Amino acid sequence: MIGNKLLIIDDDQQLLDTLSLILKYEFEKISTVKNPNLVPEIIKKERFDVILLDMNFSAGKISGNEGLFWLRKIKEIDQEATVVMISAYATIDLAIEIMKEGAVDFILKPWENQKLIATIKSACKLSKTKEELAKSKALNTSINNNLENELSLMESSSPKMQKVLDTIKIVAPTEANVLILGENGTGKEIIAREIHRNSLRKNKYLVQVDLGSISENLFESELFGHIKGAFTGAVANKLGRFEIANKSTLFLDEIGNISVTNQGKLLSVIQNKEFYPVGSERIVESNVRIICATNKNLELLVEENNFREDLLYRINTIQIEIPPLRYRKEDIKKLAVFFLNRFNDKYSKHCQLQKSTIKYIESYDWPGNIRELKHTIERAVILANKDNIAIDQVGFVKQHRTRMKAEPKTWNEIERFYLRKTFNKYHGNISEIARELNLSRPSIYRKIKKYGL
């Protein structure tokens, strides 16, 4: 049991000394207090695995009401506290009463040392079990309950994406903080999971926080936790994400969305590796690896004084930039087939993509990236009334727009630009494309082949 903490509350100094002597080999730290009025401040500053509480503190008092009063006070501060009562005047009715108020056991004076030790050990095990259950429950609620079978990024054919994957292999086994940059829908969360899966912390849950969805006032509570009564609405103790992620990885998504004030609070925890839950004076150590992600230009935000430069230095020990889907077109077909198989299973269908449909989706720039492709394929599967998904069954979420660093200059660039634009305008309908461009169908097919459309 060494490593655990015990608090003994009794007005008899001799009893405190005796208990400390008997239990000194069972606990790493034993604290004693004679005056119960000091207890609230003590347990706010430090958490104890077991609290031994006397039932009577005033001379001549044997009712146990004083002990019940302080038991209720302790539970108001920490409802998960494990309390064992001590009494020389225990009755069945009193035992029932203290159990109703939340005590886990009671010890009669005088006691047998072996029974005393066994009772305390049992209470300590119960305390640890409750702590683990609380953390497990918090973990389960903090993780996306709808995790899907993910595409293995290791199968990417894109040189740009291969560079990202090579970086992951090097960085994952280290403890370096990582900043993931990329447009919406590029798969920043999947990259974070890939890093965690290949890290030394892989046996623990990856804990994720969407900072963009947390209000300014709840930032500290969500990340650092709070104790009961810390603010209006705090009806119970709550573990923060930093405590939940202890010895694991904490993924802070949308890091560019938090205020400068909260950036300072976050920086303090990352630097000092400790924090106070809201309303508590108990320091909690933080052993987490930080992975952050954003679609914003943090360096520009620093220049505009909207992001702390010292925080940026802390979170981007390693920086990974995910290429948008329009720059890794080699992967579009593979991703499309992956999502097709997933949604075929989900909706009990047997859809296939026609070759012309695959060419069509490969010609699209996918401004919404992988997320848009996923939703497009899902919609096509849902609406398909035949096994083959044709071009006219694929409706894009956004208007197709060709993204180029500069206007087309050569004739081939101009021809490809307008051919692609017309191709998407008429959803691959060759007759309409030929009519619009005043070309024959064979000419259209030759140009499609020429430009890889």
Protein backbone atom coordinates (compact mmCIF):
# COMPACT_ATOMS: atom_id res chain seq x y z
CA MET A 1 0.00 0.00 0.00
CA ILE A 2 3.07 2.26 0.07
CA GLY A 3 2.50 5.30 -2.13
CA ASN A 4 -0.95 6.06 -0.69
CA LYS A 5 -1.99 8.92 1.59
CA LEU A 6 -3.92 8.72 4.87
CA LEU A 7 -5.54 11.49 6.91
CA ILE A 8 -6.47 10.78 10.57
CA ILE A 9 -8.84 13.14 12.37
CA ASP A 10 -9.17 12.68 16.16
CA ASP A 11 -8.95 14.94 19.22
CA ASP A 12 -6.83 12.39 21.12
CA GLN A 13 -3.12 13.01 20.44
CA GLN A 14 -2.13 9.66 21.92
CA LEU A 15 -4.51 7.86 19.57
CA LEU A 16 -3.10 9.83 16.62
CA ASP A 17 0.43 8.83 17.55
CA THR A 18 -0.57 5.19 18.01
CA LEU A 19 -2.35 4.95 14.68
CA SER A 20 0.55 6.67 12.91
CA LEU A 21 2.95 4.12 14.38
CA ILE A 22 0.78 1.12 13.46
CA LEU A 23 0.13 2.30 9.89
CA LYS A 24 3.46 3.91 9.00
CA TYR A 25 4.52 0.88 6.96
CA GLU A 26 1.23 0.81 5.06
CA PHE A 27 1.18 4.42 3.78
CA GLU A 28 3.73 6.69 2.19
CA LYS A 29 2.25 9.72 3.94
CA ILE A 30 0.17 9.95 7.11
CA SER A 31 -1.28 13.32 8.13
CA THR A 32 -2.99 13.89 11.48
CA VAL A 33 -5.23 16.66 12.76
CA LYS A 34 -6.86 17.19 16.18
CA ASN A 35 -9.14 20.08 15.27
CA PRO A 36 -11.81 19.08 12.71
CA ASN A 37 -12.33 22.74 11.81
CA LEU A 38 -9.04 22.54 9.89
CA VAL A 39 -10.19 19.61 7.75
CA PRO A 40 -11.96 21.53 4.93
CA GLU A 41 -8.83 23.52 4.06
CA ILE A 42 -6.64 20.42 4.27
CA ILE A 43 -8.68 18.27 1.88
CA LYS A 44 -9.06 21.15 -0.57
CA LYS A 45 -5.28 21.33 -0.87
CA GLU A 46 -4.55 17.61 -0.97
CA ARG A 47 -6.37 14.42 -1.87
CA PHE A 48 -6.17 11.45 0.52
CA ASP A 49 -6.80 7.83 -0.38
CA VAL A 50 -8.44 7.18 3.00
CA ILE A 51 -9.69 9.47 5.77
CA LEU A 52 -10.08 8.12 9.33
CA LEU A 53 -12.62 10.25 11.18
CA ASP A 54 -13.51 10.13 14.87
CA MET A 55 -17.21 10.20 15.78
CA ASN A 56 -16.93 12.46 18.89
CA PHE A 57 -14.75 15.50 19.57
CA SER A 58 -16.25 17.19 22.65
CA ALA A 59 -15.78 15.86 26.19
CA GLY A 60 -18.75 13.76 27.32
CA LYS A 61 -20.25 13.54 23.86
CA ILE A 62 -21.04 9.98 22.71
CA SER A 63 -23.90 10.47 20.21
CA GLY A 64 -21.66 10.52 17.14
CA ASN A 65 -23.42 13.59 15.78
CA GLU A 66 -20.18 15.54 15.56
CA GLY A 67 -18.64 12.83 13.41
CA LEU A 68 -21.71 12.75 11.18
CA PHE A 69 -21.50 16.53 10.81
CA TRP A 70 -17.88 16.40 9.65
CA LEU A 71 -18.53 13.39 7.43
CA ARG A 72 -21.17 15.43 5.60
CA LYS A 73 -18.75 18.39 5.32
CA ILE A 74 -16.06 16.16 3.82
CA LYS A 75 -18.51 14.71 1.32
CA GLU A 76 -19.67 18.18 0.31
CA ILE A 77 -16.09 19.06 -0.61
CA ASP A 78 -15.17 15.71 -2.16
CA GLN A 79 -18.06 13.34 -2.79
CA GLU A 80 -15.61 10.61 -3.82
CA ALA A 81 -13.68 10.74 -0.53
CA THR A 82 -13.22 7.34 1.12
CA VAL A 83 -14.01 7.80 4.84
CA VAL A 84 -13.70 5.25 7.65
CA MET A 85 -15.25 6.24 11.02
CA ILE A 86 -13.73 5.56 14.46
CA SER A 87 -15.96 5.16 17.52
CA ALA A 88 -15.97 3.65 21.01
CA TYR A 89 -19.76 3.82 21.18
CA ALA A 90 -20.94 2.31 17.91
CA THR A 91 -24.47 0.94 17.70
CA ILE A 92 -26.32 -0.73 14.84
CA ASP A 93 -28.39 2.41 14.27
CA LEU A 94 -25.27 4.59 14.24
CA ALA A 95 -23.52 2.21 11.82
CA ILE A 96 -26.50 2.38 9.44
CA GLU A 97 -26.56 6.17 9.70
CA ILE A 98 -22.88 6.64 8.86
CA MET A 99 -23.16 4.26 5.88
CA LYS A 100 -26.11 6.28 4.58
CA GLU A 101 -23.99 9.42 4.81
CA GLY A 102 -21.25 7.85 2.69
CA ALA A 103 -18.72 6.26 5.06
CA VAL A 104 -17.35 2.94 3.79
CA ASP A 105 -16.68 1.31 7.19
CA PHE A 106 -16.13 1.97 10.88
CA ILE A 107 -13.58 0.83 13.45
CA LEU A 108 -14.39 0.19 17.10
CA LYS A 109 -12.14 1.37 19.94
CA PRO A 110 -10.21 -0.49 21.17
CA TRP A 111 -9.28 -2.30 17.97
CA GLU A 112 -7.24 -5.32 17.00
CA ASN A 113 -4.23 -4.16 15.01
CA GLN A 114 -4.57 -6.77 12.26
CA LYS A 115 -8.26 -6.04 11.82
CA LEU A 116 -7.51 -2.31 11.78
CA ILE A 117 -4.88 -2.76 9.05
CA ALA A 118 -7.17 -5.04 7.01
CA THR A 119 -10.01 -2.51 7.21
CA ILE A 120 -7.79 0.36 6.10
CA LYS A 121 -6.31 -1.70 3.25
CA SER A 122 -9.78 -2.63 2.06
CA ALA A 123 -10.85 1.02 2.13
CA CYS A 124 -7.73 2.02 0.23
CA LYS A 125 -8.41 -0.55 -2.51
CA LEU A 126 -11.97 0.74 -2.75
CA SER A 127 -10.64 4.28 -3.11
CA LYS A 128 -8.35 3.26 -5.96
CA THR A 129 -11.17 1.39 -7.67
CA LYS A 130 -13.45 4.43 -7.49
CA GLU A 131 -10.69 6.63 -8.87
CA GLU A 132 -10.04 4.30 -11.79
CA LEU A 133 -13.76 4.00 -12.53
CA ALA A 134 -14.12 7.78 -12.52
CA LYS A 135 -11.20 8.15 -14.92
CA SER A 136 -12.48 5.35 -17.16
CA LYS A 137 -15.92 6.94 -17.30
CA ALA A 138 -14.41 10.30 -18.14
CA LEU A 139 -12.22 8.69 -20.80
CA ASN A 140 -15.18 7.00 -22.43
CA THR A 141 -17.11 10.25 -22.64
CA SER A 142 -14.11 12.21 -23.90
CA ILE A 143 -13.43 9.92 -26.84
CA ASN A 144 -15.52 9.98 -30.00
CA ASN A 145 -18.09 7.22 -29.53
CA ASN A 146 -18.49 6.89 -33.28
CA LEU A 147 -14.93 6.00 -34.17
CA GLU A 148 -14.94 4.42 -37.56
CA ASN A 149 -12.59 1.89 -39.08
CA GLU A 150 -9.93 4.20 -40.42
CA LEU A 151 -8.15 4.09 -43.71
CA SER A 152 -4.53 3.12 -43.33
CA LEU A 153 -2.63 6.20 -44.41
CA MET A 154 0.38 4.02 -45.07
CA GLU A 155 -1.23 3.04 -48.40
CA SER A 156 -1.04 6.57 -49.83
CA SER A 157 0.47 6.84 -53.32
CA SER A 158 1.07 10.57 -53.08
CA PRO A 159 4.71 11.73 -52.70
CA LYS A 160 3.50 14.68 -50.63
CA MET A 161 1.58 12.38 -48.30
CA GLN A 162 4.46 9.91 -48.14
CA LYS A 163 6.62 12.72 -46.79
CA VAL A 164 4.05 13.25 -44.02
CA LEU A 165 4.01 9.53 -43.22
CA ASP A 166 7.79 9.38 -43.10
CA THR A 167 7.76 12.23 -40.58
CA ILE A 168 5.18 10.39 -38.46
CA LYS A 169 7.40 7.30 -38.29
CA ILE A 170 10.31 9.39 -37.02
CA VAL A 171 8.35 11.61 -34.61
CA ALA A 172 5.80 9.18 -33.11
CA PRO A 173 8.18 7.25 -30.79
CA THR A 174 9.50 10.50 -29.29
CA GLU A 175 7.86 12.70 -26.67
CA ALA A 176 7.97 15.79 -28.90
CA ASN A 177 4.90 18.00 -29.07
CA VAL A 178 3.43 18.08 -32.57
CA LEU A 179 1.49 20.76 -34.44
CA ILE A 180 -0.62 19.49 -37.37
CA LEU A 181 -1.61 22.03 -40.01
CA GLY A 182 -4.10 21.54 -42.83
CA GLU A 183 -7.34 22.67 -44.39
CA ASN A 184 -10.67 21.49 -43.04
CA GLY A 185 -11.35 17.89 -43.91
CA THR A 186 -7.76 16.86 -44.67
CA GLY A 187 -7.61 14.30 -41.85
CA LYS A 188 -5.76 16.08 -39.05
CA GLU A 189 -7.48 13.91 -36.44
CA ILE A 190 -6.42 10.72 -38.25
CA ILE A 191 -2.81 11.95 -38.30
CA ALA A 192 -3.01 12.60 -34.53
CA ARG A 193 -4.28 9.05 -33.97
CA GLU A 194 -1.55 7.67 -36.22
CA ILE A 195 1.11 9.44 -34.13
CA HIS A 196 -0.43 8.16 -30.90
CA ARG A 197 -0.78 4.60 -32.23
CA ASN A 198 2.93 4.51 -32.96
CA SER A 199 4.03 6.22 -29.74
CA LEU A 200 5.29 4.88 -26.43
CA ARG A 201 1.91 5.87 -24.94
CA LYS A 202 -0.15 3.74 -27.33
CA ASN A 203 -1.52 1.52 -24.54
CA LYS A 204 -3.43 4.51 -23.15
CA TYR A 205 -6.42 6.25 -24.70
CA LEU A 206 -5.87 9.24 -26.96
CA VAL A 207 -7.90 12.03 -25.35
CA GLN A 208 -9.31 14.59 -27.76
CA VAL A 209 -10.63 18.10 -27.15
CA ASP A 210 -12.33 20.26 -29.77
CA LEU A 211 -11.25 23.66 -28.51
CA GLY A 212 -13.44 25.39 -31.06
CA SER A 213 -16.58 24.06 -29.36
CA ILE A 214 -15.64 25.07 -25.78
CA SER A 215 -16.97 28.38 -24.53
CA GLU A 216 -14.61 30.92 -22.99
CA ASN A 217 -16.08 30.46 -19.50
CA LEU A 218 -15.83 26.65 -19.50
CA PHE A 219 -12.28 26.43 -20.86
CA GLU A 220 -10.58 25.87 -17.50
CA SER A 221 -13.26 23.46 -16.26
CA GLU A 222 -13.04 21.32 -19.41
CA LEU A 223 -9.26 21.18 -19.52
CA PHE A 224 -8.32 21.26 -15.83
CA GLY A 225 -11.47 20.02 -14.10
CA HIS A 226 -13.30 21.47 -11.10
CA ILE A 227 -14.49 20.55 -7.63
CA LYS A 228 -18.08 20.52 -6.47
CA GLY A 229 -19.36 24.02 -5.73
CA ALA A 230 -16.54 25.77 -7.61
CA PHE A 231 -19.10 27.75 -9.61
CA THR A 232 -22.82 27.81 -10.28
CA GLY A 233 -23.75 24.50 -11.87
CA ALA A 234 -20.74 22.59 -10.52
CA VAL A 235 -22.86 19.98 -8.74
CA ALA A 236 -20.12 17.34 -8.68
CA ASN A 237 -16.37 16.97 -9.01
CA LYS A 238 -15.19 16.75 -12.61
CA LEU A 239 -11.90 15.52 -14.02
CA GLY A 240 -10.32 17.78 -16.64
CA ARG A 241 -8.90 16.50 -19.91
CA PHE A 242 -5.33 17.03 -18.74
CA GLU A 243 -5.90 14.75 -15.75
CA ILE A 244 -7.78 12.19 -17.84
CA ALA A 245 -4.90 12.11 -20.34
CA ASN A 246 -2.23 11.63 -17.69
CA LYS A 247 0.53 9.38 -19.09
CA SER A 248 -1.21 9.46 -22.47
CA THR A 249 -1.62 11.84 -25.42
CA LEU A 250 -3.85 14.91 -25.43
CA PHE A 251 -5.06 16.06 -28.86
CA LEU A 252 -6.07 19.72 -28.85
CA ASP A 253 -7.99 20.31 -32.08
CA GLU A 254 -8.67 23.84 -33.38
CA ILE A 255 -5.89 25.34 -31.22
CA GLY A 256 -6.11 28.57 -33.23
CA ASN A 257 -9.62 29.27 -31.95
CA ILE A 258 -8.89 29.98 -28.27
CA SER A 259 -8.54 33.45 -26.80
CA VAL A 260 -5.21 34.99 -25.84
CA THR A 261 -6.26 34.78 -22.17
CA ASN A 262 -6.85 31.04 -22.36
CA GLN A 263 -3.67 30.63 -24.40
CA GLY A 264 -1.80 31.91 -21.35
CA LYS A 265 -3.49 29.36 -19.07
CA LEU A 266 -2.68 26.56 -21.50
CA LEU A 267 0.93 27.70 -21.81
CA SER A 268 1.33 27.68 -18.03
CA VAL A 269 0.25 24.03 -17.77
CA ILE A 270 2.44 22.93 -20.69
CA GLN A 271 5.47 24.71 -19.18
CA ASN A 272 5.01 23.79 -15.52
CA LYS A 273 3.44 20.33 -16.07
CA GLU A 274 0.97 20.95 -13.24
CA PHE A 275 -2.32 22.74 -12.64
CA TYR A 276 -5.10 23.44 -10.14
CA PRO A 277 -8.64 22.20 -10.84
CA VAL A 278 -11.09 25.10 -10.66
CA GLY A 279 -11.98 25.84 -7.02
CA SER A 280 -9.29 23.52 -5.66
CA GLU A 281 -5.98 24.20 -3.96
CA ARG A 282 -4.71 20.72 -4.81
CA ILE A 283 -1.93 20.64 -7.40
CA VAL A 284 -2.34 17.99 -10.08
CA GLU A 285 0.74 16.90 -11.99
CA SER A 286 0.45 16.73 -15.78
CA ASN A 287 2.33 14.05 -17.69
CA VAL A 288 0.85 14.35 -21.17
CA ARG A 289 2.11 14.55 -24.71
CA ILE A 290 0.51 17.41 -26.62
CA ILE A 291 -0.63 17.17 -30.24
CA CYS A 292 -2.35 20.28 -31.62
CA ALA A 293 -4.12 20.92 -34.91
CA THR A 294 -5.50 23.93 -36.74
CA ASN A 295 -6.51 25.14 -40.17
CA LYS A 296 -5.34 28.67 -39.33
CA ASN A 297 -2.04 30.39 -40.04
CA LEU A 298 -0.67 30.69 -36.51
CA GLU A 299 2.38 32.70 -37.59
CA LEU A 300 0.08 35.30 -39.10
CA LEU A 301 -2.01 35.30 -35.91
CA VAL A 302 1.21 35.91 -33.94
CA GLU A 303 1.99 38.92 -36.13
CA GLU A 304 -1.54 40.21 -35.50
CA ASN A 305 -1.11 39.66 -31.73
CA ASN A 306 -3.92 37.11 -31.73
CA PHE A 307 -1.73 34.15 -30.80
CA ARG A 308 1.07 33.95 -28.25
CA GLU A 309 4.46 33.39 -29.82
CA ASP A 310 5.76 31.56 -26.73
CA LEU A 311 2.81 29.13 -26.91
CA LEU A 312 3.50 28.53 -30.61
CA TYR A 313 7.09 27.60 -29.77
CA ARG A 314 5.86 25.16 -27.12
CA ILE A 315 3.38 23.30 -29.32
CA ASN A 316 5.27 23.08 -32.62
CA THR A 317 8.44 21.25 -31.68
CA ILE A 318 7.54 19.26 -34.79
CA GLN A 319 5.25 20.72 -37.45
CA ILE A 320 3.38 18.52 -39.93
CA GLU A 321 1.43 20.04 -42.82
CA ILE A 322 -1.13 17.79 -44.51
CA PRO A 323 -1.54 18.42 -48.24
CA PRO A 324 -5.10 19.11 -49.44
CA LEU A 325 -6.73 16.42 -51.54
CA ARG A 326 -6.27 18.45 -54.76
CA TYR A 327 -2.50 18.03 -54.28
CA ARG A 328 -2.68 14.27 -53.74
CA LYS A 329 -5.02 13.19 -56.52
CA GLU A 330 -3.27 9.83 -56.68
CA ASP A 331 -5.22 8.89 -53.55
CA ILE A 332 -8.71 9.99 -54.66
CA LYS A 333 -9.71 6.69 -56.27
CA LYS A 334 -8.41 4.66 -53.34
CA LEU A 335 -10.24 6.85 -50.84
CA ALA A 336 -13.43 6.77 -52.89
CA VAL A 337 -13.40 2.97 -53.06
CA PHE A 338 -12.68 2.79 -49.33
CA PHE A 339 -15.71 4.94 -48.51
CA LEU A 340 -17.81 3.08 -51.09
CA ASN A 341 -17.14 -0.25 -49.38
CA ARG A 342 -17.88 1.27 -45.98
CA PHE A 343 -21.24 2.68 -47.02
CA ASN A 344 -22.16 -0.42 -49.01
CA ASP A 345 -21.84 -2.32 -45.74
CA LYS A 346 -23.69 0.34 -43.78
CA TYR A 347 -26.66 0.54 -46.16
CA SER A 348 -26.63 -3.11 -47.33
CA LYS A 349 -25.91 -2.21 -50.96
CA HIS A 350 -23.53 -3.45 -53.68
CA CYS A 351 -22.72 -0.24 -55.51
CA GLN A 352 -19.74 0.14 -57.83
CA LEU A 353 -18.19 3.26 -59.32
CA GLN A 354 -18.13 3.41 -63.11
CA LYS A 355 -14.76 4.19 -64.68
CA SER A 356 -16.12 7.48 -66.03
CA THR A 357 -17.34 8.35 -62.52
CA ILE A 358 -13.91 7.70 -61.07
CA LYS A 359 -12.34 9.95 -63.73
CA TYR A 360 -14.92 12.56 -62.91
CA ILE A 361 -14.28 12.63 -59.18
CA GLU A 362 -10.53 12.63 -59.83
CA SER A 363 -10.95 15.79 -61.89
CA TYR A 364 -12.65 17.63 -59.04
CA ASP A 365 -10.57 19.81 -56.71
CA TRP A 366 -12.43 18.76 -53.52
CA PRO A 367 -12.37 22.06 -51.60
CA GLY A 368 -13.85 20.16 -48.63
CA ASN A 369 -11.08 17.55 -48.97
CA ILE A 370 -11.51 14.00 -47.63
CA ARG A 371 -14.57 14.93 -45.61
CA GLU A 372 -16.37 16.20 -48.72
CA LEU A 373 -15.40 13.08 -50.67
CA LYS A 374 -16.73 10.89 -47.87
CA HIS A 375 -20.08 12.70 -47.75
CA THR A 376 -20.35 12.67 -51.55
CA ILE A 377 -19.84 8.90 -51.74
CA GLU A 378 -22.25 8.28 -48.89
CA ARG A 379 -24.95 10.36 -50.57
CA ALA A 380 -24.38 8.57 -53.89
CA VAL A 381 -24.73 5.16 -52.23
CA ILE A 382 -27.91 6.19 -50.43
CA LEU A 383 -29.56 7.56 -53.58
CA ALA A 384 -28.33 4.87 -55.98
CA ASN A 385 -31.13 2.73 -57.42
CA LYS A 386 -28.70 0.59 -59.40
CA ASP A 387 -25.45 -1.13 -58.55
CA ASN A 388 -23.37 1.14 -60.80
CA ILE A 389 -22.93 4.75 -59.72
CA ALA A 390 -22.87 6.97 -62.81
CA ILE A 391 -21.52 10.50 -63.12
CA ASP A 392 -24.96 12.11 -62.92
CA GLN A 393 -25.52 10.40 -59.54
CA VAL A 394 -22.52 12.15 -58.00
CA GLY A 395 -23.48 15.60 -56.79
CA PHE A 396 -20.74 17.67 -55.19
CA VAL A 397 -21.37 19.50 -51.96
CA LYS A 398 -19.71 22.66 -53.25
CA GLN A 399 -19.36 24.25 -56.68
CA HIS A 400 -16.39 22.87 -58.52
CA ARG A 401 -13.60 25.42 -58.68
CA THR A 402 -10.20 24.89 -60.22
CA ARG A 403 -7.44 26.07 -57.95
CA MET A 404 -4.33 27.32 -59.69
CA LYS A 405 -1.47 29.41 -58.40
CA ALA A 406 -1.70 31.57 -61.52
CA GLU A 407 -3.93 32.04 -64.53
CA PRO A 408 -3.28 29.54 -67.39
CA LYS A 409 -0.71 30.93 -69.81
CA THR A 410 0.12 28.29 -72.44
CA TRP A 411 -2.41 27.05 -74.97
CA ASN A 412 -2.44 23.59 -73.38
CA GLU A 413 -3.09 25.13 -69.96
CA ILE A 414 -5.93 27.24 -71.34
CA GLU A 415 -7.46 24.34 -73.23
CA ARG A 416 -7.23 22.05 -70.20
CA PHE A 417 -8.71 24.76 -67.97
CA TYR A 418 -11.81 25.32 -70.11
CA LEU A 419 -12.25 21.64 -70.90
CA ARG A 420 -12.25 20.78 -67.22
CA LYS A 421 -14.59 23.66 -66.42
CA THR A 422 -17.07 22.50 -69.07
CA PHE A 423 -16.64 18.86 -68.05
CA ASN A 424 -17.75 19.69 -64.51
CA LYS A 425 -20.47 22.08 -65.67
CA TYR A 426 -22.22 19.25 -67.52
CA HIS A 427 -21.23 16.51 -65.05
CA GLY A 428 -19.26 14.61 -67.69
CA ASN A 429 -22.05 14.52 -70.29
CA ILE A 430 -19.99 14.23 -73.50
CA SER A 431 -22.79 15.38 -75.82
CA GLU A 432 -23.32 18.59 -73.84
CA ILE A 433 -19.57 19.21 -73.57
CA ALA A 434 -19.12 18.74 -77.33
CA ARG A 435 -22.03 21.12 -78.05
CA GLU A 436 -20.67 23.78 -75.63
CA LEU A 437 -17.13 23.66 -77.09
CA ASN A 438 -18.26 23.09 -80.69
CA LEU A 439 -16.13 19.94 -80.95
CA SER A 440 -16.90 16.40 -82.08
CA ARG A 441 -17.33 13.62 -79.55
CA PRO A 442 -14.12 11.83 -80.72
CA SER A 443 -12.22 15.11 -80.24
CA ILE A 444 -13.57 15.43 -76.72
CA TYR A 445 -12.52 11.86 -75.88
CA ARG A 446 -8.98 12.50 -77.27
CA LYS A 447 -8.61 15.64 -75.19
CA ILE A 448 -9.93 13.94 -72.05
CA LYS A 449 -7.27 11.28 -72.53
CA LYS A 450 -4.60 13.88 -73.35
CA TYR A 451 -5.18 15.91 -70.19
CA GLY A 452 -5.99 13.01 -67.90
CA LEU A 453 -9.47 14.29 -67.09
